[in-house]
Amino acid sequence: MEKLSFKDLRIFRTSGELQVNTYLFSLHGINYVVDPGKGIGEYVDRIKCDVIITHGHYDHIAGIRELEVDRLYISPEDSAFLREARLNLSGFFNDIVSMDISWYNIDDYFDTLLAPGHTPGSRIVVFEGVLFTGDVVFSDTVGRADLNPIPGQQRVMSKTVRTLSKIFKQFPQDWYVCPGHGDIVTLEKLFKMNPFFK
């Protein structure tokens, strides 16, 4: 598991009103961008980077087009979201996203936790000190399951949250939870303020 210091993260709010937390950091000379929302190009030059996608919804992938992507990491389950507007929901925002881009299985290159429910292939990406939780876990709530194209996902999401609650308790409580939207908190604070983790 790679160690990542929270102070080394640059955080940008992207995708306009949707206010996606897009993260930028460097490790071993590689620039990484996590969940690049639309408008990330306003904050960073067209740097060569590797892109980590926690899940395939429009607001978290639209900024890919603004970056010079070397490698893109996403779950196999959500890889189709890159090509299909019906899945990534970009049609709702009148900005059709359909990219024929090569991708790598995120599970083969990073420590991840399977977290289905919000999307079939949602992942928590784990670094020592930082958890990128996408739209599965926020500081004070959890992600919606009704946006998942597969029926009956509320039950799956509930199981995911129960599993994550047990796993998160095993990590040092000063690690940071970096969600796809909203405030960044430590695990200690998450367990105090998020009713789904109390």
C-alpha atoms as a PDB file:
ATOM      1  CA  MET A   1       0.000   0.000   0.000  1.00  0.00           C
ATOM      2  CA  GLU A   2       1.449   3.348  -1.087  1.00  0.00           C
ATOM      3  CA  LYS A   3       1.675   6.086   1.512  1.00  0.00           C
ATOM      4  CA  LEU A   4       0.081   9.422   0.617  1.00  0.00           C
ATOM      5  CA  SER A   5       0.222  12.515   2.781  1.00  0.00           C
ATOM      6  CA  PHE A   6      -2.935  14.609   2.845  1.00  0.00           C
ATOM      7  CA  LYS A   7      -0.840  17.784   2.646  1.00  0.00           C
ATOM      8  CA  ASP A   8       0.436  16.643  -0.767  1.00  0.00           C
ATOM      9  CA  LEU A   9      -3.072  16.680  -2.269  1.00  0.00           C
ATOM     10  CA  ARG A  10      -4.321  19.531  -4.412  1.00  0.00           C
ATOM     11  CA  ILE A  11      -8.101  19.692  -4.382  1.00  0.00           C
ATOM     12  CA  PHE A  12     -10.276  21.377  -7.001  1.00  0.00           C
ATOM     13  CA  ARG A  13     -14.031  21.798  -7.274  1.00  0.00           C
ATOM     14  CA  THR A  14     -15.087  20.804 -10.781  1.00  0.00           C
ATOM     15  CA  SER A  15     -18.194  20.030 -12.842  1.00  0.00           C
ATOM     16  CA  GLY A  16     -19.861  23.349 -12.051  1.00  0.00           C
ATOM     17  CA  GLU A  17     -22.912  23.156  -9.817  1.00  0.00           C
ATOM     18  CA  LEU A  18     -22.221  19.490  -9.141  1.00  0.00           C
ATOM     19  CA  GLN A  19     -19.089  20.511  -7.216  1.00  0.00           C
ATOM     20  CA  VAL A  20     -16.981  17.399  -7.661  1.00  0.00           C
ATOM     21  CA  ASN A  21     -13.864  17.073  -5.549  1.00  0.00           C
ATOM     22  CA  THR A  22     -11.097  16.401  -8.054  1.00  0.00           C
ATOM     23  CA  TYR A  23      -7.749  15.477  -6.501  1.00  0.00           C
ATOM     24  CA  LEU A  24      -4.249  15.901  -7.907  1.00  0.00           C
ATOM     25  CA  PHE A  25      -1.086  14.436  -6.408  1.00  0.00           C
ATOM     26  CA  SER A  26       2.296  13.098  -7.469  1.00  0.00           C
ATOM     27  CA  LEU A  27       3.968   9.822  -6.517  1.00  0.00           C
ATOM     28  CA  HIS A  28       7.278   8.526  -7.860  1.00  0.00           C
ATOM     29  CA  GLY A  29       7.326  11.215 -10.526  1.00  0.00           C
ATOM     30  CA  ILE A  30       3.843  10.410 -11.845  1.00  0.00           C
ATOM     31  CA  ASN A  31       1.007  12.944 -11.728  1.00  0.00           C
ATOM     32  CA  TYR A  32      -2.306  11.414 -10.703  1.00  0.00           C
ATOM     33  CA  VAL A  33      -5.744  12.951 -11.087  1.00  0.00           C
ATOM     34  CA  VAL A  34      -8.646  11.369  -9.212  1.00  0.00           C
ATOM     35  CA  ASP A  35     -12.152  11.861 -10.656  1.00  0.00           C
ATOM     36  CA  PRO A  36     -11.501  14.691 -13.135  1.00  0.00           C
ATOM     37  CA  GLY A  37     -14.695  16.703 -13.432  1.00  0.00           C
ATOM     38  CA  LYS A  38     -15.479  19.142 -16.193  1.00  0.00           C
ATOM     39  CA  GLY A  39     -13.357  22.259 -15.861  1.00  0.00           C
ATOM     40  CA  ILE A  40     -10.239  20.628 -14.399  1.00  0.00           C
ATOM     41  CA  GLY A  41      -8.357  22.175 -17.322  1.00  0.00           C
ATOM     42  CA  GLU A  42      -8.980  25.606 -15.803  1.00  0.00           C
ATOM     43  CA  TYR A  43      -6.864  24.644 -12.799  1.00  0.00           C
ATOM     44  CA  VAL A  44      -4.071  22.557 -14.271  1.00  0.00           C
ATOM     45  CA  ASP A  45      -2.189  22.793 -17.517  1.00  0.00           C
ATOM     46  CA  ARG A  46      -2.587  19.916 -19.946  1.00  0.00           C
ATOM     47  CA  ILE A  47      -0.196  17.831 -17.893  1.00  0.00           C
ATOM     48  CA  LYS A  48       0.593  14.240 -18.699  1.00  0.00           C
ATOM     49  CA  CYS A  49      -1.074  12.232 -15.977  1.00  0.00           C
ATOM     50  CA  ASP A  50      -2.554   8.953 -14.877  1.00  0.00           C
ATOM     51  CA  VAL A  51      -6.262   9.147 -14.079  1.00  0.00           C
ATOM     52  CA  ILE A  52      -7.985   7.218 -11.300  1.00  0.00           C
ATOM     53  CA  ILE A  53     -11.768   6.895 -11.582  1.00  0.00           C
ATOM     54  CA  THR A  54     -13.708   5.851  -8.469  1.00  0.00           C
ATOM     55  CA  HIS A  55     -16.888   5.344 -10.527  1.00  0.00           C
ATOM     56  CA  GLY A  56     -18.145   6.127 -14.002  1.00  0.00           C
ATOM     57  CA  HIS A  57     -20.704   8.907 -13.583  1.00  0.00           C
ATOM     58  CA  TYR A  58     -20.544  11.948 -15.847  1.00  0.00           C
ATOM     59  CA  ASP A  59     -19.502  14.466 -13.224  1.00  0.00           C
ATOM     60  CA  HIS A  60     -16.440  12.366 -12.343  1.00  0.00           C
ATOM     61  CA  ILE A  61     -15.243  11.592 -15.869  1.00  0.00           C
ATOM     62  CA  ALA A  62     -16.115  14.623 -18.020  1.00  0.00           C
ATOM     63  CA  GLY A  63     -12.742  16.278 -17.382  1.00  0.00           C
ATOM     64  CA  ILE A  64     -10.798  13.376 -18.864  1.00  0.00           C
ATOM     65  CA  ARG A  65     -11.137  15.167 -22.202  1.00  0.00           C
ATOM     66  CA  GLU A  66      -9.158  18.121 -20.803  1.00  0.00           C
ATOM     67  CA  LEU A  67      -6.119  16.110 -19.730  1.00  0.00           C
ATOM     68  CA  GLU A  68      -3.234  14.391 -21.482  1.00  0.00           C
ATOM     69  CA  VAL A  69      -3.935  10.928 -20.139  1.00  0.00           C
ATOM     70  CA  ASP A  70      -1.175   8.354 -20.012  1.00  0.00           C
ATOM     71  CA  ARG A  71      -3.074   5.609 -18.188  1.00  0.00           C
ATOM     72  CA  LEU A  72      -6.661   5.528 -17.024  1.00  0.00           C
ATOM     73  CA  TYR A  73      -7.706   3.232 -14.181  1.00  0.00           C
ATOM     74  CA  ILE A  74     -11.328   2.199 -13.641  1.00  0.00           C
ATOM     75  CA  SER A  75     -13.159  -0.918 -12.506  1.00  0.00           C
ATOM     76  CA  PRO A  76     -14.145  -3.452 -15.172  1.00  0.00           C
ATOM     77  CA  GLU A  77     -17.786  -3.100 -14.126  1.00  0.00           C
ATOM     78  CA  ASP A  78     -17.805   0.665 -14.751  1.00  0.00           C
ATOM     79  CA  SER A  79     -15.566   0.721 -17.833  1.00  0.00           C
ATOM     80  CA  ALA A  80     -18.602   0.817 -20.144  1.00  0.00           C
ATOM     81  CA  PHE A  81     -19.600   4.134 -18.536  1.00  0.00           C
ATOM     82  CA  LEU A  82     -16.740   5.769 -20.448  1.00  0.00           C
ATOM     83  CA  ARG A  83     -18.456   4.992 -23.754  1.00  0.00           C
ATOM     84  CA  GLU A  84     -22.151   4.963 -22.946  1.00  0.00           C
ATOM     85  CA  ALA A  85     -23.971   8.206 -22.148  1.00  0.00           C
ATOM     86  CA  ARG A  86     -26.956   6.162 -20.984  1.00  0.00           C
ATOM     87  CA  LEU A  87     -24.830   4.746 -18.177  1.00  0.00           C
ATOM     88  CA  ASN A  88     -22.740   7.790 -17.262  1.00  0.00           C
ATOM     89  CA  LEU A  89     -25.847  10.026 -17.283  1.00  0.00           C
ATOM     90  CA  SER A  90     -24.192  12.755 -19.354  1.00  0.00           C
ATOM     91  CA  GLY A  91     -27.349  13.215 -21.412  1.00  0.00           C
ATOM     92  CA  PHE A  92     -29.030  14.775 -18.393  1.00  0.00           C
ATOM     93  CA  PHE A  93     -26.434  17.545 -18.536  1.00  0.00           C
ATOM     94  CA  ASN A  94     -26.544  18.134 -22.302  1.00  0.00           C
ATOM     95  CA  ASP A  95     -22.867  17.221 -22.560  1.00  0.00           C
ATOM     96  CA  ILE A  96     -22.682  13.759 -24.053  1.00  0.00           C
ATOM     97  CA  VAL A  97     -19.592  11.912 -22.866  1.00  0.00           C
ATOM     98  CA  SER A  98     -18.592   8.955 -25.012  1.00  0.00           C
ATOM     99  CA  MET A  99     -14.889   8.166 -25.090  1.00  0.00           C
ATOM    100  CA  ASP A 100     -13.143   5.378 -26.922  1.00  0.00           C
ATOM    101  CA  ILE A 101     -10.208   5.293 -24.521  1.00  0.00           C
ATOM    102  CA  SER A 102      -8.101   2.412 -23.315  1.00  0.00           C
ATOM    103  CA  TRP A 103      -8.258   1.620 -19.629  1.00  0.00           C
ATOM    104  CA  TYR A 104      -6.575  -0.500 -16.973  1.00  0.00           C
ATOM    105  CA  ASN A 105      -8.247  -2.508 -14.245  1.00  0.00           C
ATOM    106  CA  ILE A 106      -7.924  -0.337 -11.148  1.00  0.00           C
ATOM    107  CA  ASP A 107      -7.805  -3.417  -8.894  1.00  0.00           C
ATOM    108  CA  ASP A 108      -4.599  -4.627 -10.553  1.00  0.00           C
ATOM    109  CA  TYR A 109      -2.656  -1.455  -9.770  1.00  0.00           C
ATOM    110  CA  PHE A 110      -4.072   0.037  -6.567  1.00  0.00           C
ATOM    111  CA  ASP A 111      -5.393  -1.142  -3.248  1.00  0.00           C
ATOM    112  CA  THR A 112      -9.154  -0.951  -3.599  1.00  0.00           C
ATOM    113  CA  LEU A 113     -12.277  -1.895  -1.703  1.00  0.00           C
ATOM    114  CA  LEU A 114     -15.244  -3.106  -3.732  1.00  0.00           C
ATOM    115  CA  ALA A 115     -18.132  -0.782  -2.978  1.00  0.00           C
ATOM    116  CA  PRO A 116     -21.084  -1.509  -5.304  1.00  0.00           C
ATOM    117  CA  GLY A 117     -24.418   0.208  -4.954  1.00  0.00           C
ATOM    118  CA  HIS A 118     -23.961   3.733  -6.278  1.00  0.00           C
ATOM    119  CA  THR A 119     -22.653   2.162  -9.476  1.00  0.00           C
ATOM    120  CA  PRO A 120     -21.939  -1.525 -10.127  1.00  0.00           C
ATOM    121  CA  GLY A 121     -18.181  -0.923 -10.068  1.00  0.00           C
ATOM    122  CA  SER A 122     -17.701   1.787  -7.449  1.00  0.00           C
ATOM    123  CA  ARG A 123     -14.377   1.490  -5.676  1.00  0.00           C
ATOM    124  CA  ILE A 124     -12.766   2.963  -2.579  1.00  0.00           C
ATOM    125  CA  VAL A 125      -9.134   3.612  -3.508  1.00  0.00           C
ATOM    126  CA  VAL A 126      -6.872   3.075  -0.510  1.00  0.00           C
ATOM    127  CA  PHE A 127      -3.562   4.770   0.135  1.00  0.00           C
ATOM    128  CA  GLU A 128      -1.846   4.705   3.485  1.00  0.00           C
ATOM    129  CA  GLY A 129      -3.299   7.853   5.046  1.00  0.00           C
ATOM    130  CA  VAL A 130      -5.959   8.687   2.441  1.00  0.00           C
ATOM    131  CA  LEU A 131      -9.146   6.963   1.246  1.00  0.00           C
ATOM    132  CA  PHE A 132     -10.730   8.180  -1.986  1.00  0.00           C
ATOM    133  CA  THR A 133     -14.368   7.225  -1.483  1.00  0.00           C
ATOM    134  CA  GLY A 134     -15.999   8.672  -4.619  1.00  0.00           C
ATOM    135  CA  ASP A 135     -19.762   8.866  -4.208  1.00  0.00           C
ATOM    136  CA  VAL A 136     -20.033   5.896  -1.863  1.00  0.00           C
ATOM    137  CA  VAL A 137     -19.141   7.608   1.423  1.00  0.00           C
ATOM    138  CA  PHE A 138     -19.419  11.314   2.193  1.00  0.00           C
ATOM    139  CA  SER A 139     -18.600  13.091   5.443  1.00  0.00           C
ATOM    140  CA  ASP A 140     -22.201  13.017   6.667  1.00  0.00           C
ATOM    141  CA  THR A 141     -24.077  10.527   4.463  1.00  0.00           C
ATOM    142  CA  VAL A 142     -23.673   7.831   1.797  1.00  0.00           C
ATOM    143  CA  GLY A 143     -24.273   7.762  -1.948  1.00  0.00           C
ATOM    144  CA  ARG A 144     -27.535   7.238  -3.758  1.00  0.00           C
ATOM    145  CA  ALA A 145     -28.373   3.798  -5.103  1.00  0.00           C
ATOM    146  CA  ASP A 146     -31.256   4.889  -7.349  1.00  0.00           C
ATOM    147  CA  LEU A 147     -28.811   6.087 -10.043  1.00  0.00           C
ATOM    148  CA  ASN A 148     -27.488   2.559 -10.506  1.00  0.00           C
ATOM    149  CA  PRO A 149     -28.757   1.018 -13.780  1.00  0.00           C
ATOM    150  CA  ILE A 150     -29.177  -2.375 -12.090  1.00  0.00           C
ATOM    151  CA  PRO A 151     -32.454  -2.749 -10.133  1.00  0.00           C
ATOM    152  CA  GLY A 152     -32.496  -3.466  -6.398  1.00  0.00           C
ATOM    153  CA  GLN A 153     -29.292  -1.673  -5.527  1.00  0.00           C
ATOM    154  CA  GLN A 154     -30.473  -0.111  -2.249  1.00  0.00           C
ATOM    155  CA  ARG A 155     -29.965  -3.482  -0.559  1.00  0.00           C
ATOM    156  CA  VAL A 156     -26.516  -3.789  -2.162  1.00  0.00           C
ATOM    157  CA  MET A 157     -25.576  -0.285  -1.001  1.00  0.00           C
ATOM    158  CA  SER A 158     -26.694  -1.056   2.552  1.00  0.00           C
ATOM    159  CA  LYS A 159     -24.496  -4.163   2.590  1.00  0.00           C
ATOM    160  CA  THR A 160     -21.567  -2.148   1.198  1.00  0.00           C
ATOM    161  CA  VAL A 161     -21.894   0.438   3.974  1.00  0.00           C
ATOM    162  CA  ARG A 162     -22.011  -2.247   6.675  1.00  0.00           C
ATOM    163  CA  THR A 163     -18.895  -3.888   5.231  1.00  0.00           C
ATOM    164  CA  LEU A 164     -17.019  -0.601   4.904  1.00  0.00           C
ATOM    165  CA  SER A 165     -17.895   0.362   8.466  1.00  0.00           C
ATOM    166  CA  LYS A 166     -16.118  -2.751   9.737  1.00  0.00           C
ATOM    167  CA  ILE A 167     -13.117  -2.250   7.441  1.00  0.00           C
ATOM    168  CA  PHE A 168     -12.754   1.461   8.219  1.00  0.00           C
ATOM    169  CA  LYS A 169     -12.525   0.678  11.937  1.00  0.00           C
ATOM    170  CA  GLN A 170      -9.381  -1.347  11.215  1.00  0.00           C
ATOM    171  CA  PHE A 171      -7.563   1.644   9.696  1.00  0.00           C
ATOM    172  CA  PRO A 172      -5.841   4.349  11.756  1.00  0.00           C
ATOM    173  CA  GLN A 173      -8.518   6.866  12.659  1.00  0.00           C
ATOM    174  CA  ASP A 174      -6.403   9.851  11.612  1.00  0.00           C
ATOM    175  CA  TRP A 175      -6.582   8.764   7.951  1.00  0.00           C
ATOM    176  CA  TYR A 176      -8.506  11.103   5.675  1.00  0.00           C
ATOM    177  CA  VAL A 177     -11.742  10.298   3.879  1.00  0.00           C
ATOM    178  CA  CYS A 178     -11.662  12.167   0.555  1.00  0.00           C
ATOM    179  CA  PRO A 179     -15.141  11.928  -0.994  1.00  0.00           C
ATOM    180  CA  GLY A 180     -16.347  12.879  -4.446  1.00  0.00           C
ATOM    181  CA  HIS A 181     -18.342  15.795  -3.056  1.00  0.00           C
ATOM    182  CA  GLY A 182     -18.406  17.841   0.130  1.00  0.00           C
ATOM    183  CA  ASP A 183     -16.124  18.002   3.127  1.00  0.00           C
ATOM    184  CA  ILE A 184     -13.004  15.968   3.759  1.00  0.00           C
ATOM    185  CA  VAL A 185     -12.876  14.390   7.218  1.00  0.00           C
ATOM    186  CA  THR A 186     -10.771  11.962   9.204  1.00  0.00           C
ATOM    187  CA  LEU A 187     -12.112   8.496   9.870  1.00  0.00           C
ATOM    188  CA  GLU A 188     -12.496   9.481  13.519  1.00  0.00           C
ATOM    189  CA  LYS A 189     -14.749  12.366  12.539  1.00  0.00           C
ATOM    190  CA  LEU A 190     -16.636  10.214  10.020  1.00  0.00           C
ATOM    191  CA  PHE A 191     -17.652   7.808  12.762  1.00  0.00           C
ATOM    192  CA  LYS A 192     -18.869  10.720  14.880  1.00  0.00           C
ATOM    193  CA  MET A 193     -20.822  12.709  12.286  1.00  0.00           C
ATOM    194  CA  ASN A 194     -22.033  10.248   9.638  1.00  0.00           C
ATOM    195  CA  PRO A 195     -25.229   8.539  10.866  1.00  0.00           C
ATOM    196  CA  PHE A 196     -24.580   5.542   8.592  1.00  0.00           C
ATOM    197  CA  PHE A 197     -21.274   4.891  10.373  1.00  0.00           C
ATOM    198  CA  LYS A 198     -22.253   5.579  13.965  1.00  0.00           C
END
